[in-house]
Amino acid sequence: MSIGTGVVLFVIGAILVFAVNVDVQWVDLDMVGYILMGAGVIVFLVGIVLLARRRRTESVSRTYVDPATGEPTTRRSVSASNDDAI
């Protein structure tokens, strides 16, 4: 979700900077556009970093002898880090 938000902020900022030619006395729309573009890049990069961190998994394999049959059994467990809550 943050990757999409970053792209949307960047696009809105680019529209304000390059496509809108309106003079408003109380605000500089070019500066607002540049700020939105910068915020969009930052949010996009943070989204990429969080996505990379979320995909890390830890795999553990344990081999033991089943007492009932006497055969070795391997148990594998995979745990993924879940960093959705910020």
PDB file of N, CA and C in Angstrom:
ATOM      1  N   MET A   1       0.817  -1.186   0.000  1.00  0.00           N
ATOM      2  CA  MET A   1       0.000   0.000   0.000  1.00  0.00           C
ATOM      3  C   MET A   1       0.865   1.255   0.000  1.00  0.00           C
ATOM      4  N   SER A   2       1.983   1.226   0.686  1.00  0.00           N
ATOM      5  CA  SER A   2       2.815   2.424   0.742  1.00  0.00           C
ATOM      6  C   SER A   2       3.513   2.685  -0.584  1.00  0.00           C
ATOM      7  N   ILE A   3       3.757   1.644  -1.371  1.00  0.00           N
ATOM      8  CA  ILE A   3       4.365   1.854  -2.682  1.00  0.00           C
ATOM      9  C   ILE A   3       3.391   2.618  -3.576  1.00  0.00           C
ATOM     10  N   GLY A   4       2.146   2.221  -3.566  1.00  0.00           N
ATOM     11  CA  GLY A   4       1.132   2.921  -4.351  1.00  0.00           C
ATOM     12  C   GLY A   4       0.913   4.342  -3.883  1.00  0.00           C
ATOM     13  N   THR A   5       0.949   4.542  -2.583  1.00  0.00           N
ATOM     14  CA  THR A   5       0.800   5.891  -2.035  1.00  0.00           C
ATOM     15  C   THR A   5       1.953   6.781  -2.481  1.00  0.00           C
ATOM     16  N   GLY A   6       3.164   6.242  -2.487  1.00  0.00           N
ATOM     17  CA  GLY A   6       4.322   7.009  -2.951  1.00  0.00           C
ATOM     18  C   GLY A   6       4.204   7.402  -4.403  1.00  0.00           C
ATOM     19  N   VAL A   7       3.726   6.476  -5.233  1.00  0.00           N
ATOM     20  CA  VAL A   7       3.548   6.779  -6.655  1.00  0.00           C
ATOM     21  C   VAL A   7       2.479   7.856  -6.835  1.00  0.00           C
ATOM     22  N   VAL A   8       1.384   7.750  -6.096  1.00  0.00           N
ATOM     23  CA  VAL A   8       0.309   8.748  -6.211  1.00  0.00           C
ATOM     24  C   VAL A   8       0.797  10.130  -5.783  1.00  0.00           C
ATOM     25  N   LEU A   9       1.538  10.204  -4.684  1.00  0.00           N
ATOM     26  CA  LEU A   9       2.073  11.498  -4.246  1.00  0.00           C
ATOM     27  C   LEU A   9       3.000  12.092  -5.290  1.00  0.00           C
ATOM     28  N   PHE A  10       3.859  11.250  -5.870  1.00  0.00           N
ATOM     29  CA  PHE A  10       4.790  11.729  -6.878  1.00  0.00           C
ATOM     30  C   PHE A  10       4.046  12.252  -8.112  1.00  0.00           C
ATOM     31  N   VAL A  11       3.033  11.529  -8.545  1.00  0.00           N
ATOM     32  CA  VAL A  11       2.270  11.938  -9.735  1.00  0.00           C
ATOM     33  C   VAL A  11       1.525  13.246  -9.477  1.00  0.00           C
ATOM     34  N   ILE A  12       0.893  13.373  -8.317  1.00  0.00           N
ATOM     35  CA  ILE A  12       0.184  14.620  -8.001  1.00  0.00           C
ATOM     36  C   ILE A  12       1.170  15.788  -7.944  1.00  0.00           C
ATOM     37  N   GLY A  13       2.332  15.558  -7.352  1.00  0.00           N
ATOM     38  CA  GLY A  13       3.349  16.604  -7.309  1.00  0.00           C
ATOM     39  C   GLY A  13       3.843  16.986  -8.695  1.00  0.00           C
ATOM     40  N   ALA A  14       4.046  15.993  -9.565  1.00  0.00           N
ATOM     41  CA  ALA A  14       4.494  16.289 -10.929  1.00  0.00           C
ATOM     42  C   ALA A  14       3.434  17.059 -11.700  1.00  0.00           C
ATOM     43  N   ILE A  15       2.184  16.731 -11.487  1.00  0.00           N
ATOM     44  CA  ILE A  15       1.106  17.479 -12.145  1.00  0.00           C
ATOM     45  C   ILE A  15       1.106  18.936 -11.680  1.00  0.00           C
ATOM     46  N   LEU A  16       1.276  19.140 -10.382  1.00  0.00           N
ATOM     47  CA  LEU A  16       1.300  20.518  -9.877  1.00  0.00           C
ATOM     48  C   LEU A  16       2.488  21.296 -10.418  1.00  0.00           C
ATOM     49  N   VAL A  17       3.644  20.648 -10.554  1.00  0.00           N
ATOM     50  CA  VAL A  17       4.836  21.360 -11.009  1.00  0.00           C
ATOM     51  C   VAL A  17       4.800  21.617 -12.507  1.00  0.00           C
ATOM     52  N   PHE A  18       4.484  20.595 -13.295  1.00  0.00           N
ATOM     53  CA  PHE A  18       4.673  20.700 -14.738  1.00  0.00           C
ATOM     54  C   PHE A  18       3.407  20.995 -15.536  1.00  0.00           C
ATOM     55  N   ALA A  19       2.226  20.731 -15.000  1.00  0.00           N
ATOM     56  CA  ALA A  19       1.013  20.860 -15.808  1.00  0.00           C
ATOM     57  C   ALA A  19       0.097  21.998 -15.376  1.00  0.00           C
ATOM     58  N   VAL A  20       0.215  22.451 -14.160  1.00  0.00           N
ATOM     59  CA  VAL A  20      -0.700  23.489 -13.673  1.00  0.00           C
ATOM     60  C   VAL A  20       0.003  24.843 -13.764  1.00  0.00           C
ATOM     61  N   ASN A  21      -0.622  25.780 -14.500  1.00  0.00           N
ATOM     62  CA  ASN A  21      -0.086  27.134 -14.630  1.00  0.00           C
ATOM     63  C   ASN A  21      -1.063  28.134 -14.029  1.00  0.00           C
ATOM     64  N   VAL A  22      -1.306  27.991 -12.745  1.00  0.00           N
ATOM     65  CA  VAL A  22      -2.224  28.877 -12.037  1.00  0.00           C
ATOM     66  C   VAL A  22      -1.421  29.620 -10.979  1.00  0.00           C
ATOM     67  N   ASP A  23      -1.585  30.938 -10.935  1.00  0.00           N
ATOM     68  CA  ASP A  23      -0.926  31.728  -9.899  1.00  0.00           C
ATOM     69  C   ASP A  23      -1.881  31.931  -8.735  1.00  0.00           C
ATOM     70  N   VAL A  24      -1.515  31.388  -7.608  1.00  0.00           N
ATOM     71  CA  VAL A  24      -2.277  31.568  -6.377  1.00  0.00           C
ATOM     72  C   VAL A  24      -1.399  32.406  -5.464  1.00  0.00           C
ATOM     73  N   GLN A  25      -1.937  33.501  -4.936  1.00  0.00           N
ATOM     74  CA  GLN A  25      -1.118  34.434  -4.175  1.00  0.00           C
ATOM     75  C   GLN A  25      -0.666  33.884  -2.828  1.00  0.00           C
ATOM     76  N   TRP A  26      -1.448  33.034  -2.220  1.00  0.00           N
ATOM     77  CA  TRP A  26      -1.142  32.606  -0.860  1.00  0.00           C
ATOM     78  C   TRP A  26      -0.341  31.309  -0.789  1.00  0.00           C
ATOM     79  N   VAL A  27      -0.066  30.653  -1.943  1.00  0.00           N
ATOM     80  CA  VAL A  27       0.736  29.435  -1.921  1.00  0.00           C
ATOM     81  C   VAL A  27       1.464  29.291  -3.260  1.00  0.00           C
ATOM     82  N   ASP A  28       2.677  28.783  -3.203  1.00  0.00           N
ATOM     83  CA  ASP A  28       3.456  28.516  -4.408  1.00  0.00           C
ATOM     84  C   ASP A  28       3.220  27.058  -4.808  1.00  0.00           C
ATOM     85  N   LEU A  29       2.434  26.842  -5.856  1.00  0.00           N
ATOM     86  CA  LEU A  29       2.066  25.484  -6.262  1.00  0.00           C
ATOM     87  C   LEU A  29       3.262  24.674  -6.749  1.00  0.00           C
ATOM     88  N   ASP A  30       4.265  25.357  -7.324  1.00  0.00           N
ATOM     89  CA  ASP A  30       5.466  24.623  -7.730  1.00  0.00           C
ATOM     90  C   ASP A  30       6.178  24.029  -6.518  1.00  0.00           C
ATOM     91  N   MET A  31       6.293  24.811  -5.448  1.00  0.00           N
ATOM     92  CA  MET A  31       6.950  24.303  -4.241  1.00  0.00           C
ATOM     93  C   MET A  31       6.154  23.166  -3.621  1.00  0.00           C
ATOM     94  N   VAL A  32       4.834  23.278  -3.588  1.00  0.00           N
ATOM     95  CA  VAL A  32       3.993  22.202  -3.069  1.00  0.00           C
ATOM     96  C   VAL A  32       4.185  20.938  -3.914  1.00  0.00           C
ATOM     97  N   GLY A  33       4.274  21.122  -5.226  1.00  0.00           N
ATOM     98  CA  GLY A  33       4.496  19.985  -6.110  1.00  0.00           C
ATOM     99  C   GLY A  33       5.830  19.311  -5.849  1.00  0.00           C
ATOM    100  N   TYR A  34       6.892  20.097  -5.677  1.00  0.00           N
ATOM    101  CA  TYR A  34       8.202  19.509  -5.381  1.00  0.00           C
ATOM    102  C   TYR A  34       8.201  18.788  -4.034  1.00  0.00           C
ATOM    103  N   ILE A  35       7.522  19.356  -3.063  1.00  0.00           N
ATOM    104  CA  ILE A  35       7.428  18.707  -1.752  1.00  0.00           C
ATOM    105  C   ILE A  35       6.688  17.379  -1.871  1.00  0.00           C
ATOM    106  N   LEU A  36       5.583  17.365  -2.625  1.00  0.00           N
ATOM    107  CA  LEU A  36       4.843  16.115  -2.809  1.00  0.00           C
ATOM    108  C   LEU A  36       5.672  15.078  -3.569  1.00  0.00           C
ATOM    109  N   MET A  37       6.439  15.529  -4.550  1.00  0.00           N
ATOM    110  CA  MET A  37       7.289  14.595  -5.286  1.00  0.00           C
ATOM    111  C   MET A  37       8.364  14.001  -4.375  1.00  0.00           C
ATOM    112  N   GLY A  38       8.954  14.833  -3.532  1.00  0.00           N
ATOM    113  CA  GLY A  38       9.953  14.323  -2.584  1.00  0.00           C
ATOM    114  C   GLY A  38       9.352  13.365  -1.585  1.00  0.00           C
ATOM    115  N   ALA A  39       8.174  13.706  -1.078  1.00  0.00           N
ATOM    116  CA  ALA A  39       7.494  12.812  -0.133  1.00  0.00           C
ATOM    117  C   ALA A  39       7.122  11.498  -0.807  1.00  0.00           C
ATOM    118  N   GLY A  40       6.717  11.567  -2.072  1.00  0.00           N
ATOM    119  CA  GLY A  40       6.377  10.357  -2.808  1.00  0.00           C
ATOM    120  C   GLY A  40       7.569   9.432  -2.972  1.00  0.00           C
ATOM    121  N   VAL A  41       8.730  10.002  -3.265  1.00  0.00           N
ATOM    122  CA  VAL A  41       9.945   9.186  -3.391  1.00  0.00           C
ATOM    123  C   VAL A  41      10.289   8.535  -2.060  1.00  0.00           C
ATOM    124  N   ILE A  42      10.200   9.289  -0.981  1.00  0.00           N
ATOM    125  CA  ILE A  42      10.530   8.742   0.342  1.00  0.00           C
ATOM    126  C   ILE A  42       9.563   7.626   0.726  1.00  0.00           C
ATOM    127  N   VAL A  43       8.267   7.844   0.524  1.00  0.00           N
ATOM    128  CA  VAL A  43       7.271   6.818   0.869  1.00  0.00           C
ATOM    129  C   VAL A  43       7.467   5.578   0.004  1.00  0.00           C
ATOM    130  N   PHE A  44       7.787   5.764  -1.270  1.00  0.00           N
ATOM    131  CA  PHE A  44       8.042   4.635  -2.168  1.00  0.00           C
ATOM    132  C   PHE A  44       9.229   3.818  -1.681  1.00  0.00           C
ATOM    133  N   LEU A  45      10.323   4.487  -1.322  1.00  0.00           N
ATOM    134  CA  LEU A  45      11.520   3.766  -0.852  1.00  0.00           C
ATOM    135  C   LEU A  45      11.268   3.056   0.474  1.00  0.00           C
ATOM    136  N   VAL A  46      10.537   3.685   1.378  1.00  0.00           N
ATOM    137  CA  VAL A  46      10.197   3.035   2.643  1.00  0.00           C
ATOM    138  C   VAL A  46       9.340   1.794   2.385  1.00  0.00           C
ATOM    139  N   GLY A  47       8.421   1.886   1.437  1.00  0.00           N
ATOM    140  CA  GLY A  47       7.598   0.736   1.079  1.00  0.00           C
ATOM    141  C   GLY A  47       8.423  -0.416   0.532  1.00  0.00           C
ATOM    142  N   ILE A  48       9.421  -0.110  -0.294  1.00  0.00           N
ATOM    143  CA  ILE A  48      10.301  -1.142  -0.838  1.00  0.00           C
ATOM    144  C   ILE A  48      11.091  -1.808   0.291  1.00  0.00           C
ATOM    145  N   VAL A  49      11.612  -1.018   1.213  1.00  0.00           N
ATOM    146  CA  VAL A  49      12.388  -1.572   2.330  1.00  0.00           C
ATOM    147  C   VAL A  49      11.510  -2.460   3.203  1.00  0.00           C
ATOM    148  N   LEU A  50      10.298  -2.020   3.509  1.00  0.00           N
ATOM    149  CA  LEU A  50       9.405  -2.830   4.333  1.00  0.00           C
ATOM    150  C   LEU A  50       8.995  -4.112   3.620  1.00  0.00           C
ATOM    151  N   LEU A  51       8.825  -4.048   2.324  1.00  0.00           N
ATOM    152  CA  LEU A  51       8.481  -5.236   1.555  1.00  0.00           C
ATOM    153  C   LEU A  51       9.634  -6.238   1.579  1.00  0.00           C
ATOM    154  N   ALA A  52      10.855  -5.761   1.484  1.00  0.00           N
ATOM    155  CA  ALA A  52      12.020  -6.646   1.528  1.00  0.00           C
ATOM    156  C   ALA A  52      12.169  -7.275   2.917  1.00  0.00           C
ATOM    157  N   ARG A  53      11.901  -6.512   3.960  1.00  0.00           N
ATOM    158  CA  ARG A  53      12.012  -7.053   5.320  1.00  0.00           C
ATOM    159  C   ARG A  53      10.931  -8.084   5.601  1.00  0.00           C
ATOM    160  N   ARG A  54       9.752  -7.905   5.052  1.00  0.00           N
ATOM    161  CA  ARG A  54       8.637  -8.792   5.329  1.00  0.00           C
ATOM    162  C   ARG A  54       8.853 -10.172   4.716  1.00  0.00           C
ATOM    163  N   ARG A  55       9.621 -10.263   3.657  1.00  0.00           N
ATOM    164  CA  ARG A  55       9.812 -11.532   2.957  1.00  0.00           C
ATOM    165  C   ARG A  55      10.886 -12.416   3.568  1.00  0.00           C
ATOM    166  N   ARG A  56      11.517 -11.997   4.606  1.00  0.00           N
ATOM    167  CA  ARG A  56      12.525 -12.833   5.249  1.00  0.00           C
ATOM    168  C   ARG A  56      11.848 -13.967   6.007  1.00  0.00           C
ATOM    169  N   THR A  57      12.358 -15.159   5.811  1.00  0.00           N
ATOM    170  CA  THR A  57      11.815 -16.325   6.497  1.00  0.00           C
ATOM    171  C   THR A  57      12.943 -17.070   7.186  1.00  0.00           C
ATOM    172  N   GLU A  58      12.577 -17.829   8.167  1.00  0.00           N
ATOM    173  CA  GLU A  58      13.535 -18.653   8.893  1.00  0.00           C
ATOM    174  C   GLU A  58      13.045 -20.090   8.836  1.00  0.00           C
ATOM    175  N   SER A  59      13.928 -20.975   8.385  1.00  0.00           N
ATOM    176  CA  SER A  59      13.571 -22.376   8.242  1.00  0.00           C
ATOM    177  C   SER A  59      14.403 -23.204   9.217  1.00  0.00           C
ATOM    178  N   VAL A  60      13.728 -24.080   9.971  1.00  0.00           N
ATOM    179  CA  VAL A  60      14.398 -24.931  10.949  1.00  0.00           C
ATOM    180  C   VAL A  60      14.033 -26.377  10.649  1.00  0.00           C
ATOM    181  N   SER A  61      15.054 -27.236  10.554  1.00  0.00           N
ATOM    182  CA  SER A  61      14.826 -28.673  10.345  1.00  0.00           C
ATOM    183  C   SER A  61      15.335 -29.427  11.559  1.00  0.00           C
ATOM    184  N   ARG A  62      14.496 -30.333  12.067  1.00  0.00           N
ATOM    185  CA  ARG A  62      14.887 -31.160  13.209  1.00  0.00           C
ATOM    186  C   ARG A  62      14.636 -32.622  12.853  1.00  0.00           C
ATOM    187  N   THR A  63      15.626 -33.441  13.106  1.00  0.00           N
ATOM    188  CA  THR A  63      15.490 -34.871  12.853  1.00  0.00           C
ATOM    189  C   THR A  63      15.512 -35.594  14.196  1.00  0.00           C
ATOM    190  N   TYR A  64      14.529 -36.461  14.393  1.00  0.00           N
ATOM    191  CA  TYR A  64      14.459 -37.233  15.624  1.00  0.00           C
ATOM    192  C   TYR A  64      13.948 -38.633  15.284  1.00  0.00           C
ATOM    193  N   VAL A  65      14.106 -39.527  16.224  1.00  0.00           N
ATOM    194  CA  VAL A  65      13.667 -40.907  16.036  1.00  0.00           C
ATOM    195  C   VAL A  65      12.273 -41.044  16.635  1.00  0.00           C
ATOM    196  N   ASP A  66      11.351 -41.530  15.815  1.00  0.00           N
ATOM    197  CA  ASP A  66       9.983 -41.750  16.264  1.00  0.00           C
ATOM    198  C   ASP A  66       9.979 -42.931  17.233  1.00  0.00           C
ATOM    199  N   PRO A  67       9.544 -42.735  18.487  1.00  0.00           N
ATOM    200  CA  PRO A  67       9.594 -43.824  19.467  1.00  0.00           C
ATOM    201  C   PRO A  67       8.672 -44.998  19.115  1.00  0.00           C
ATOM    202  N   ALA A  68       7.602 -44.746  18.393  1.00  0.00           N
ATOM    203  CA  ALA A  68       6.664 -45.820  18.086  1.00  0.00           C
ATOM    204  C   ALA A  68       7.201 -46.736  16.987  1.00  0.00           C
ATOM    205  N   THR A  69       7.814 -46.167  15.955  1.00  0.00           N
ATOM    206  CA  THR A  69       8.270 -46.974  14.826  1.00  0.00           C
ATOM    207  C   THR A  69       9.771 -47.164  14.805  1.00  0.00           C
ATOM    208  N   GLY A  70      10.523 -46.324  15.459  1.00  0.00           N
ATOM    209  CA  GLY A  70      11.976 -46.413  15.464  1.00  0.00           C
ATOM    210  C   GLY A  70      12.609 -45.822  14.216  1.00  0.00           C
ATOM    211  N   GLU A  71      11.827 -45.164  13.379  1.00  0.00           N
ATOM    212  CA  GLU A  71      12.346 -44.583  12.153  1.00  0.00           C
ATOM    213  C   GLU A  71      12.673 -43.107  12.370  1.00  0.00           C
ATOM    214  N   PRO A  72      13.728 -42.634  11.704  1.00  0.00           N
ATOM    215  CA  PRO A  72      14.046 -41.201  11.816  1.00  0.00           C
ATOM    216  C   PRO A  72      12.999 -40.365  11.078  1.00  0.00           C
ATOM    217  N   THR A  73      12.612 -39.285  11.702  1.00  0.00           N
ATOM    218  CA  THR A  73      11.618 -38.381  11.141  1.00  0.00           C
ATOM    219  C   THR A  73      12.196 -36.973  11.139  1.00  0.00           C
ATOM    220  N   THR A  74      11.975 -36.267  10.043  1.00  0.00           N
ATOM    221  CA  THR A  74      12.449 -34.883   9.936  1.00  0.00           C
ATOM    222  C   THR A  74      11.249 -33.959   9.977  1.00  0.00           C
ATOM    223  N   ARG A  75      11.316 -32.994  10.860  1.00  0.00           N
ATOM    224  CA  ARG A  75      10.255 -31.995  10.978  1.00  0.00           C
ATOM    225  C   ARG A  75      10.844 -30.650  10.550  1.00  0.00           C
ATOM    226  N   ARG A  76      10.165 -30.013   9.604  1.00  0.00           N
ATOM    227  CA  ARG A  76      10.598 -28.700   9.127  1.00  0.00           C
ATOM    228  C   ARG A  76       9.553 -27.670   9.507  1.00  0.00           C
ATOM    229  N   SER A  77      10.030 -26.558  10.028  1.00  0.00           N
ATOM    230  CA  SER A  77       9.118 -25.462  10.347  1.00  0.00           C
ATOM    231  C   SER A  77       9.668 -24.190   9.721  1.00  0.00           C
ATOM    232  N   VAL A  78       8.788 -23.420   9.128  1.00  0.00           N
ATOM    233  CA  VAL A  78       9.145 -22.162   8.489  1.00  0.00           C
ATOM    234  C   VAL A  78       8.379 -21.057   9.182  1.00  0.00           C
ATOM    235  N   SER A  79       9.108 -20.043   9.606  1.00  0.00           N
ATOM    236  CA  SER A  79       8.458 -18.891  10.217  1.00  0.00           C
ATOM    237  C   SER A  79       8.852 -17.658   9.431  1.00  0.00           C
ATOM    238  N   ALA A  80       7.878 -16.806   9.190  1.00  0.00           N
ATOM    239  CA  ALA A  80       8.108 -15.558   8.459  1.00  0.00           C
ATOM    240  C   ALA A  80       7.915 -14.398   9.413  1.00  0.00           C
ATOM    241  N   SER A  81       8.786 -13.418   9.282  1.00  0.00           N
ATOM    242  CA  SER A  81       8.621 -12.223  10.103  1.00  0.00           C
ATOM    243  C   SER A  81       7.511 -11.384   9.495  1.00  0.00           C
ATOM    244  N   ASN A  82       6.599 -10.922  10.331  1.00  0.00           N
ATOM    245  CA  ASN A  82       5.447 -10.168   9.860  1.00  0.00           C
ATOM    246  C   ASN A  82       5.556  -8.750  10.402  1.00  0.00           C
ATOM    247  N   ASP A  83       5.989  -7.820   9.556  1.00  0.00           N
ATOM    248  CA  ASP A  83       6.202  -6.430   9.977  1.00  0.00           C
ATOM    249  C   ASP A  83       5.110  -5.512   9.461  1.00  0.00           C
ATOM    250  N   ASP A  84       3.862  -5.987   9.446  1.00  0.00           N
ATOM    251  CA  ASP A  84       2.785  -5.154   8.914  1.00  0.00           C
ATOM    252  C   ASP A  84       2.450  -3.994   9.836  1.00  0.00           C
ATOM    253  N   ALA A  85       2.575  -4.188  11.138  1.00  0.00           N
ATOM    254  CA  ALA A  85       2.229  -3.117  12.070  1.00  0.00           C
ATOM    255  C   ALA A  85       3.386  -2.151  12.189  1.00  0.00           C
ATOM    256  N   ILE A  86       3.121  -0.900  11.904  1.00  0.00           N
ATOM    257  CA  ILE A  86       4.178   0.118  11.982  1.00  0.00           C
ATOM    258  C   ILE A  86       3.848   1.070  13.106  1.00  0.00           C
TER     259      ILE A  86
END
